[in-house]
Amino acid sequence: MALQMSSEYSLKQRYFLEPGFGVNGWVLRKEGSNSIVKKAKYKLMLLYFAENLLNNQKAELRICDSNGLLEEIIDFEKLNKS
């Protein structure tokens, strides 16, 4: 029995937009990494930066609310197909 990889399968980079600790405001970080890609005082500014950075990539942006709970997922790969 041979296993075949589905053509729908793809590796995605996952990024998280989450509240920073202290007075940092908001941070954008890559999944599996402790390093911060970008910091911003306001969530919308960081969201705009993330959209420009991740557009046309196989990436997913997971947006958290001010308590750190998952609020929304934006799949840039699906956005580019439509």
PDB file of N, CA and C in Angstrom:
ATOM      1  N   MET A   1       0.850  -1.179   0.000  1.00  0.00           N
ATOM      2  CA  MET A   1       0.000   0.000   0.000  1.00  0.00           C
ATOM      3  C   MET A   1       0.895   1.241   0.000  1.00  0.00           C
ATOM      4  N   ALA A   2       0.837   1.998  -1.017  1.00  0.00           N
ATOM      5  CA  ALA A   2       1.655   3.205  -1.136  1.00  0.00           C
ATOM      6  C   ALA A   2       0.853   4.417  -0.670  1.00  0.00           C
ATOM      7  N   LEU A   3       1.513   5.255   0.084  1.00  0.00           N
ATOM      8  CA  LEU A   3       0.873   6.488   0.542  1.00  0.00           C
ATOM      9  C   LEU A   3       1.196   7.610  -0.425  1.00  0.00           C
ATOM     10  N   GLN A   4       0.192   8.363  -0.784  1.00  0.00           N
ATOM     11  CA  GLN A   4       0.400   9.485  -1.686  1.00  0.00           C
ATOM     12  C   GLN A   4       0.039  10.775  -0.974  1.00  0.00           C
ATOM     13  N   MET A   5       0.838  11.785  -1.213  1.00  0.00           N
ATOM     14  CA  MET A   5       0.572  13.084  -0.605  1.00  0.00           C
ATOM     15  C   MET A   5      -0.509  13.799  -1.400  1.00  0.00           C
ATOM     16  N   SER A   6      -1.477  14.293  -0.696  1.00  0.00           N
ATOM     17  CA  SER A   6      -2.566  15.020  -1.338  1.00  0.00           C
ATOM     18  C   SER A   6      -2.047  16.327  -1.927  1.00  0.00           C
ATOM     19  N   SER A   7      -2.625  16.730  -3.041  1.00  0.00           N
ATOM     20  CA  SER A   7      -2.223  18.006  -3.648  1.00  0.00           C
ATOM     21  C   SER A   7      -2.725  19.186  -2.829  1.00  0.00           C
ATOM     22  N   GLU A   8      -3.677  18.938  -1.926  1.00  0.00           N
ATOM     23  CA  GLU A   8      -4.207  19.996  -1.067  1.00  0.00           C
ATOM     24  C   GLU A   8      -3.308  20.264   0.135  1.00  0.00           C
ATOM     25  N   TYR A   9      -2.348  19.394   0.380  1.00  0.00           N
ATOM     26  CA  TYR A   9      -1.482  19.516   1.547  1.00  0.00           C
ATOM     27  C   TYR A   9      -0.377  20.533   1.280  1.00  0.00           C
ATOM     28  N   SER A  10      -0.183  21.425   2.205  1.00  0.00           N
ATOM     29  CA  SER A  10       0.901  22.396   2.068  1.00  0.00           C
ATOM     30  C   SER A  10       1.396  22.800   3.447  1.00  0.00           C
ATOM     31  N   LEU A  11       2.650  23.142   3.530  1.00  0.00           N
ATOM     32  CA  LEU A  11       3.226  23.608   4.784  1.00  0.00           C
ATOM     33  C   LEU A  11       2.991  25.103   4.904  1.00  0.00           C
ATOM     34  N   LYS A  12       2.508  25.518   6.054  1.00  0.00           N
ATOM     35  CA  LYS A  12       2.222  26.931   6.271  1.00  0.00           C
ATOM     36  C   LYS A  12       3.049  27.454   7.430  1.00  0.00           C
ATOM     37  N   GLN A  13       3.428  28.691   7.312  1.00  0.00           N
ATOM     38  CA  GLN A  13       4.034  29.397   8.427  1.00  0.00           C
ATOM     39  C   GLN A  13       2.894  30.002   9.228  1.00  0.00           C
ATOM     40  N   ARG A  14       2.949  29.854  10.530  1.00  0.00           N
ATOM     41  CA  ARG A  14       1.911  30.443  11.382  1.00  0.00           C
ATOM     42  C   ARG A  14       2.512  31.581  12.188  1.00  0.00           C
ATOM     43  N   TYR A  15       1.803  32.683  12.183  1.00  0.00           N
ATOM     44  CA  TYR A  15       2.204  33.862  12.946  1.00  0.00           C
ATOM     45  C   TYR A  15       1.097  34.206  13.931  1.00  0.00           C
ATOM     46  N   PHE A  16       1.493  34.765  15.057  1.00  0.00           N
ATOM     47  CA  PHE A  16       0.538  35.142  16.096  1.00  0.00           C
ATOM     48  C   PHE A  16       0.621  36.634  16.352  1.00  0.00           C
ATOM     49  N   LEU A  17      -0.522  37.275  16.381  1.00  0.00           N
ATOM     50  CA  LEU A  17      -0.644  38.680  16.765  1.00  0.00           C
ATOM     51  C   LEU A  17      -1.276  38.657  18.150  1.00  0.00           C
ATOM     52  N   GLU A  18      -0.495  39.004  19.161  1.00  0.00           N
ATOM     53  CA  GLU A  18      -0.961  38.854  20.534  1.00  0.00           C
ATOM     54  C   GLU A  18      -0.518  40.018  21.398  1.00  0.00           C
ATOM     55  N   PRO A  19      -1.185  40.192  22.539  1.00  0.00           N
ATOM     56  CA  PRO A  19      -0.800  41.300  23.419  1.00  0.00           C
ATOM     57  C   PRO A  19       0.576  41.068  24.015  1.00  0.00           C
ATOM     58  N   GLY A  20       1.352  42.147  24.090  1.00  0.00           N
ATOM     59  CA  GLY A  20       2.665  42.067  24.710  1.00  0.00           C
ATOM     60  C   GLY A  20       2.539  42.180  26.214  1.00  0.00           C
ATOM     61  N   PHE A  21       3.627  41.920  26.894  1.00  0.00           N
ATOM     62  CA  PHE A  21       3.632  42.022  28.346  1.00  0.00           C
ATOM     63  C   PHE A  21       4.098  43.406  28.758  1.00  0.00           C
ATOM     64  N   GLY A  22       3.471  43.963  29.756  1.00  0.00           N
ATOM     65  CA  GLY A  22       3.842  45.296  30.221  1.00  0.00           C
ATOM     66  C   GLY A  22       3.295  46.363  29.298  1.00  0.00           C
ATOM     67  N   VAL A  23       4.145  47.326  28.958  1.00  0.00           N
ATOM     68  CA  VAL A  23       3.715  48.452  28.122  1.00  0.00           C
ATOM     69  C   VAL A  23       4.074  48.257  26.651  1.00  0.00           C
ATOM     70  N   ASN A  24       4.394  47.046  26.245  1.00  0.00           N
ATOM     71  CA  ASN A  24       4.813  46.786  24.867  1.00  0.00           C
ATOM     72  C   ASN A  24       3.689  46.921  23.854  1.00  0.00           C
ATOM     73  N   GLY A  25       2.447  46.901  24.285  1.00  0.00           N
ATOM     74  CA  GLY A  25       1.338  46.968  23.343  1.00  0.00           C
ATOM     75  C   GLY A  25       1.077  45.606  22.737  1.00  0.00           C
ATOM     76  N   TRP A  26       1.350  45.446  21.442  1.00  0.00           N
ATOM     77  CA  TRP A  26       1.087  44.210  20.718  1.00  0.00           C
ATOM     78  C   TRP A  26       2.358  43.704  20.057  1.00  0.00           C
ATOM     79  N   VAL A  27       2.447  42.374  19.873  1.00  0.00           N
ATOM     80  CA  VAL A  27       3.616  41.771  19.241  1.00  0.00           C
ATOM     81  C   VAL A  27       3.168  40.800  18.152  1.00  0.00           C
ATOM     82  N   LEU A  28       3.996  40.684  17.132  1.00  0.00           N
ATOM     83  CA  LEU A  28       3.817  39.704  16.067  1.00  0.00           C
ATOM     84  C   LEU A  28       4.973  38.739  16.180  1.00  0.00           C
ATOM     85  N   ARG A  29       4.668  37.459  16.362  1.00  0.00           N
ATOM     86  CA  ARG A  29       5.733  36.475  16.471  1.00  0.00           C
ATOM     87  C   ARG A  29       5.412  35.255  15.627  1.00  0.00           C
ATOM     88  N   LYS A  30       6.461  34.557  15.241  1.00  0.00           N
ATOM     89  CA  LYS A  30       6.338  33.362  14.426  1.00  0.00           C
ATOM     90  C   LYS A  30       6.176  32.151  15.334  1.00  0.00           C
ATOM     91  N   GLU A  31       5.330  31.204  14.930  1.00  0.00           N
ATOM     92  CA  GLU A  31       5.101  30.009  15.737  1.00  0.00           C
ATOM     93  C   GLU A  31       6.393  29.204  15.882  1.00  0.00           C
ATOM     94  N   GLY A  32       6.647  28.723  17.076  1.00  0.00           N
ATOM     95  CA  GLY A  32       7.825  27.918  17.339  1.00  0.00           C
ATOM     96  C   GLY A  32       9.079  28.725  17.573  1.00  0.00           C
ATOM     97  N   SER A  33       8.942  30.017  17.645  1.00  0.00           N
ATOM     98  CA  SER A  33      10.093  30.889  17.833  1.00  0.00           C
ATOM     99  C   SER A  33       9.811  31.851  18.978  1.00  0.00           C
ATOM    100  N   ASN A  34      10.814  32.090  19.784  1.00  0.00           N
ATOM    101  CA  ASN A  34      10.659  33.056  20.867  1.00  0.00           C
ATOM    102  C   ASN A  34      10.948  34.477  20.405  1.00  0.00           C
ATOM    103  N   SER A  35      11.476  34.609  19.202  1.00  0.00           N
ATOM    104  CA  SER A  35      11.809  35.944  18.714  1.00  0.00           C
ATOM    105  C   SER A  35      10.555  36.669  18.228  1.00  0.00           C
ATOM    106  N   ILE A  36      10.557  37.963  18.417  1.00  0.00           N
ATOM    107  CA  ILE A  36       9.436  38.810  18.019  1.00  0.00           C
ATOM    108  C   ILE A  36       9.754  39.425  16.660  1.00  0.00           C
ATOM    109  N   VAL A  37       8.831  39.292  15.719  1.00  0.00           N
ATOM    110  CA  VAL A  37       9.016  39.851  14.380  1.00  0.00           C
ATOM    111  C   VAL A  37       8.864  41.364  14.416  1.00  0.00           C
ATOM    112  N   LYS A  38       7.829  41.841  15.129  1.00  0.00           N
ATOM    113  CA  LYS A  38       7.547  43.279  15.168  1.00  0.00           C
ATOM    114  C   LYS A  38       6.743  43.597  16.420  1.00  0.00           C
ATOM    115  N   LYS A  39       6.972  44.785  16.976  1.00  0.00           N
ATOM    116  CA  LYS A  39       6.201  45.300  18.107  1.00  0.00           C
ATOM    117  C   LYS A  39       5.493  46.569  17.661  1.00  0.00           C
ATOM    118  N   ALA A  40       4.324  46.810  18.232  1.00  0.00           N
ATOM    119  CA  ALA A  40       3.596  48.048  17.941  1.00  0.00           C
ATOM    120  C   ALA A  40       2.726  48.405  19.138  1.00  0.00           C
ATOM    121  N   LYS A  41       2.448  49.683  19.250  1.00  0.00           N
ATOM    122  CA  LYS A  41       1.616  50.145  20.353  1.00  0.00           C
ATOM    123  C   LYS A  41       0.150  49.793  20.116  1.00  0.00           C
ATOM    124  N   TYR A  42      -0.279  49.834  18.860  1.00  0.00           N
ATOM    125  CA  TYR A  42      -1.680  49.599  18.532  1.00  0.00           C
ATOM    126  C   TYR A  42      -1.841  48.337  17.691  1.00  0.00           C
ATOM    127  N   LYS A  43      -2.901  47.611  17.944  1.00  0.00           N
ATOM    128  CA  LYS A  43      -3.175  46.343  17.269  1.00  0.00           C
ATOM    129  C   LYS A  43      -3.376  46.533  15.767  1.00  0.00           C
ATOM    130  N   LEU A  44      -4.108  47.573  15.367  1.00  0.00           N
ATOM    131  CA  LEU A  44      -4.385  47.785  13.945  1.00  0.00           C
ATOM    132  C   LEU A  44      -3.131  48.106  13.142  1.00  0.00           C
ATOM    133  N   MET A  45      -2.190  48.813  13.742  1.00  0.00           N
ATOM    134  CA  MET A  45      -0.927  49.103  13.049  1.00  0.00           C
ATOM    135  C   MET A  45      -0.161  47.812  12.783  1.00  0.00           C
ATOM    136  N   LEU A  46      -0.145  46.933  13.758  1.00  0.00           N
ATOM    137  CA  LEU A  46       0.558  45.662  13.615  1.00  0.00           C
ATOM    138  C   LEU A  46      -0.170  44.737  12.642  1.00  0.00           C
ATOM    139  N   LEU A  47      -1.475  44.796  12.627  1.00  0.00           N
ATOM    140  CA  LEU A  47      -2.260  44.001  11.684  1.00  0.00           C
ATOM    141  C   LEU A  47      -1.976  44.436  10.247  1.00  0.00           C
ATOM    142  N   TYR A  48      -1.875  45.730  10.015  1.00  0.00           N
ATOM    143  CA  TYR A  48      -1.541  46.251   8.686  1.00  0.00           C
ATOM    144  C   TYR A  48      -0.151  45.780   8.256  1.00  0.00           C
ATOM    145  N   PHE A  49       0.819  45.838   9.164  1.00  0.00           N
ATOM    146  CA  PHE A  49       2.169  45.367   8.868  1.00  0.00           C
ATOM    147  C   PHE A  49       2.159  43.873   8.545  1.00  0.00           C
ATOM    148  N   ALA A  50       1.426  43.091   9.332  1.00  0.00           N
ATOM    149  CA  ALA A  50       1.372  41.642   9.134  1.00  0.00           C
ATOM    150  C   ALA A  50       0.748  41.288   7.788  1.00  0.00           C
ATOM    151  N   GLU A  51      -0.295  41.994   7.400  1.00  0.00           N
ATOM    152  CA  GLU A  51      -0.935  41.728   6.109  1.00  0.00           C
ATOM    153  C   GLU A  51       0.022  42.007   4.956  1.00  0.00           C
ATOM    154  N   ASN A  52       0.791  43.073   5.036  1.00  0.00           N
ATOM    155  CA  ASN A  52       1.767  43.377   3.988  1.00  0.00           C
ATOM    156  C   ASN A  52       2.903  42.362   3.971  1.00  0.00           C
ATOM    157  N   LEU A  53       3.318  41.906   5.130  1.00  0.00           N
ATOM    158  CA  LEU A  53       4.409  40.942   5.234  1.00  0.00           C
ATOM    159  C   LEU A  53       4.002  39.566   4.714  1.00  0.00           C
ATOM    160  N   LEU A  54       2.805  39.132   5.042  1.00  0.00           N
ATOM    161  CA  LEU A  54       2.387  37.760   4.762  1.00  0.00           C
ATOM    162  C   LEU A  54       1.601  37.598   3.471  1.00  0.00           C
ATOM    163  N   ASN A  55       1.264  38.686   2.802  1.00  0.00           N
ATOM    164  CA  ASN A  55       0.523  38.594   1.552  1.00  0.00           C
ATOM    165  C   ASN A  55       1.337  37.811   0.525  1.00  0.00           C
ATOM    166  N   ASN A  56       0.665  36.974  -0.258  1.00  0.00           N
ATOM    167  CA  ASN A  56       1.285  36.129  -1.287  1.00  0.00           C
ATOM    168  C   ASN A  56       2.227  35.087  -0.698  1.00  0.00           C
ATOM    169  N   GLN A  57       1.983  34.653   0.513  1.00  0.00           N
ATOM    170  CA  GLN A  57       2.773  33.587   1.129  1.00  0.00           C
ATOM    171  C   GLN A  57       1.840  32.489   1.607  1.00  0.00           C
ATOM    172  N   LYS A  58       2.408  31.315   1.828  1.00  0.00           N
ATOM    173  CA  LYS A  58       1.655  30.231   2.460  1.00  0.00           C
ATOM    174  C   LYS A  58       1.755  30.449   3.954  1.00  0.00           C
ATOM    175  N   ALA A  59       0.904  31.315   4.455  1.00  0.00           N
ATOM    176  CA  ALA A  59       0.984  31.702   5.863  1.00  0.00           C
ATOM    177  C   ALA A  59      -0.405  31.851   6.452  1.00  0.00           C
ATOM    178  N   GLU A  60      -0.431  31.763   7.766  1.00  0.00           N
ATOM    179  CA  GLU A  60      -1.658  31.906   8.521  1.00  0.00           C
ATOM    180  C   GLU A  60      -1.390  32.884   9.651  1.00  0.00           C
ATOM    181  N   LEU A  61      -2.280  33.828   9.841  1.00  0.00           N
ATOM    182  CA  LEU A  61      -2.159  34.796  10.931  1.00  0.00           C
ATOM    183  C   LEU A  61      -3.248  34.503  11.943  1.00  0.00           C
ATOM    184  N   ARG A  62      -2.836  34.231  13.164  1.00  0.00           N
ATOM    185  CA  ARG A  62      -3.780  33.953  14.252  1.00  0.00           C
ATOM    186  C   ARG A  62      -3.814  35.171  15.151  1.00  0.00           C
ATOM    187  N   ILE A  63      -4.968  35.802  15.207  1.00  0.00           N
ATOM    188  CA  ILE A  63      -5.127  37.053  15.944  1.00  0.00           C
ATOM    189  C   ILE A  63      -5.769  36.758  17.292  1.00  0.00           C
ATOM    190  N   CYS A  64      -5.144  37.248  18.340  1.00  0.00           N
ATOM    191  CA  CYS A  64      -5.654  37.062  19.699  1.00  0.00           C
ATOM    192  C   CYS A  64      -6.298  38.355  20.191  1.00  0.00           C
ATOM    193  N   ASP A  65      -7.202  38.220  21.156  1.00  0.00           N
ATOM    194  CA  ASP A  65      -7.804  39.404  21.761  1.00  0.00           C
ATOM    195  C   ASP A  65      -6.892  39.922  22.873  1.00  0.00           C
ATOM    196  N   SER A  66      -7.332  40.927  23.593  1.00  0.00           N
ATOM    197  CA  SER A  66      -6.478  41.553  24.610  1.00  0.00           C
ATOM    198  C   SER A  66      -6.178  40.628  25.786  1.00  0.00           C
ATOM    199  N   ASN A  67      -6.924  39.529  25.918  1.00  0.00           N
ATOM    200  CA  ASN A  67      -6.660  38.553  26.973  1.00  0.00           C
ATOM    201  C   ASN A  67      -5.758  37.419  26.507  1.00  0.00           C
ATOM    202  N   GLY A  68      -5.375  37.422  25.239  1.00  0.00           N
ATOM    203  CA  GLY A  68      -4.515  36.384  24.695  1.00  0.00           C
ATOM    204  C   GLY A  68      -5.267  35.178  24.158  1.00  0.00           C
ATOM    205  N   LEU A  69      -6.593  35.257  24.084  1.00  0.00           N
ATOM    206  CA  LEU A  69      -7.399  34.159  23.554  1.00  0.00           C
ATOM    207  C   LEU A  69      -7.578  34.323  22.047  1.00  0.00           C
ATOM    208  N   LEU A  70      -7.572  33.202  21.332  1.00  0.00           N
ATOM    209  CA  LEU A  70      -7.690  33.231  19.876  1.00  0.00           C
ATOM    210  C   LEU A  70      -9.019  33.848  19.459  1.00  0.00           C
ATOM    211  N   GLU A  71      -8.927  34.847  18.584  1.00  0.00           N
ATOM    212  CA  GLU A  71     -10.107  35.589  18.154  1.00  0.00           C
ATOM    213  C   GLU A  71     -10.445  35.312  16.689  1.00  0.00           C
ATOM    214  N   GLU A  72      -9.419  35.233  15.835  1.00  0.00           N
ATOM    215  CA  GLU A  72      -9.650  35.091  14.397  1.00  0.00           C
ATOM    216  C   GLU A  72      -8.422  34.475  13.743  1.00  0.00           C
ATOM    217  N   ILE A  73      -8.645  33.755  12.628  1.00  0.00           N
ATOM    218  CA  ILE A  73      -7.555  33.177  11.846  1.00  0.00           C
ATOM    219  C   ILE A  73      -7.699  33.665  10.410  1.00  0.00           C
ATOM    220  N   ILE A  74      -6.631  34.237   9.873  1.00  0.00           N
ATOM    221  CA  ILE A  74      -6.616  34.679   8.475  1.00  0.00           C
ATOM    222  C   ILE A  74      -5.654  33.773   7.721  1.00  0.00           C
ATOM    223  N   ASP A  75      -6.159  33.076   6.709  1.00  0.00           N
ATOM    224  CA  ASP A  75      -5.351  32.171   5.896  1.00  0.00           C
ATOM    225  C   ASP A  75      -5.016  32.887   4.588  1.00  0.00           C
ATOM    226  N   PHE A  76      -3.780  33.336   4.445  1.00  0.00           N
ATOM    227  CA  PHE A  76      -3.385  34.122   3.272  1.00  0.00           C
ATOM    228  C   PHE A  76      -3.317  33.279   2.008  1.00  0.00           C
ATOM    229  N   GLU A  77      -3.089  31.987   2.146  1.00  0.00           N
ATOM    230  CA  GLU A  77      -3.051  31.112   0.982  1.00  0.00           C
ATOM    231  C   GLU A  77      -4.435  31.035   0.328  1.00  0.00           C
ATOM    232  N   LYS A  78      -5.481  30.940   1.130  1.00  0.00           N
ATOM    233  CA  LYS A  78      -6.848  30.887   0.592  1.00  0.00           C
ATOM    234  C   LYS A  78      -7.278  32.238   0.037  1.00  0.00           C
ATOM    235  N   LEU A  79      -6.807  33.329   0.639  1.00  0.00           N
ATOM    236  CA  LEU A  79      -7.153  34.658   0.133  1.00  0.00           C
ATOM    237  C   LEU A  79      -6.595  34.883  -1.262  1.00  0.00           C
ATOM    238  N   ASN A  80      -5.394  34.359  -1.518  1.00  0.00           N
ATOM    239  CA  ASN A  80      -4.758  34.562  -2.818  1.00  0.00           C
ATOM    240  C   ASN A  80      -5.388  33.714  -3.913  1.00  0.00           C
ATOM    241  N   LYS A  81      -5.992  32.580  -3.547  1.00  0.00           N
ATOM    242  CA  LYS A  81      -6.624  31.709  -4.540  1.00  0.00           C
ATOM    243  C   LYS A  81      -7.937  32.283  -5.049  1.00  0.00           C
ATOM    244  N   SER A  82      -8.608  33.063  -4.212  1.00  0.00           N
ATOM    245  CA  SER A  82      -9.919  33.590  -4.624  1.00  0.00           C
ATOM    246  C   SER A  82      -9.803  34.877  -5.398  1.00  0.00           C
TER     247      SER A  82
END
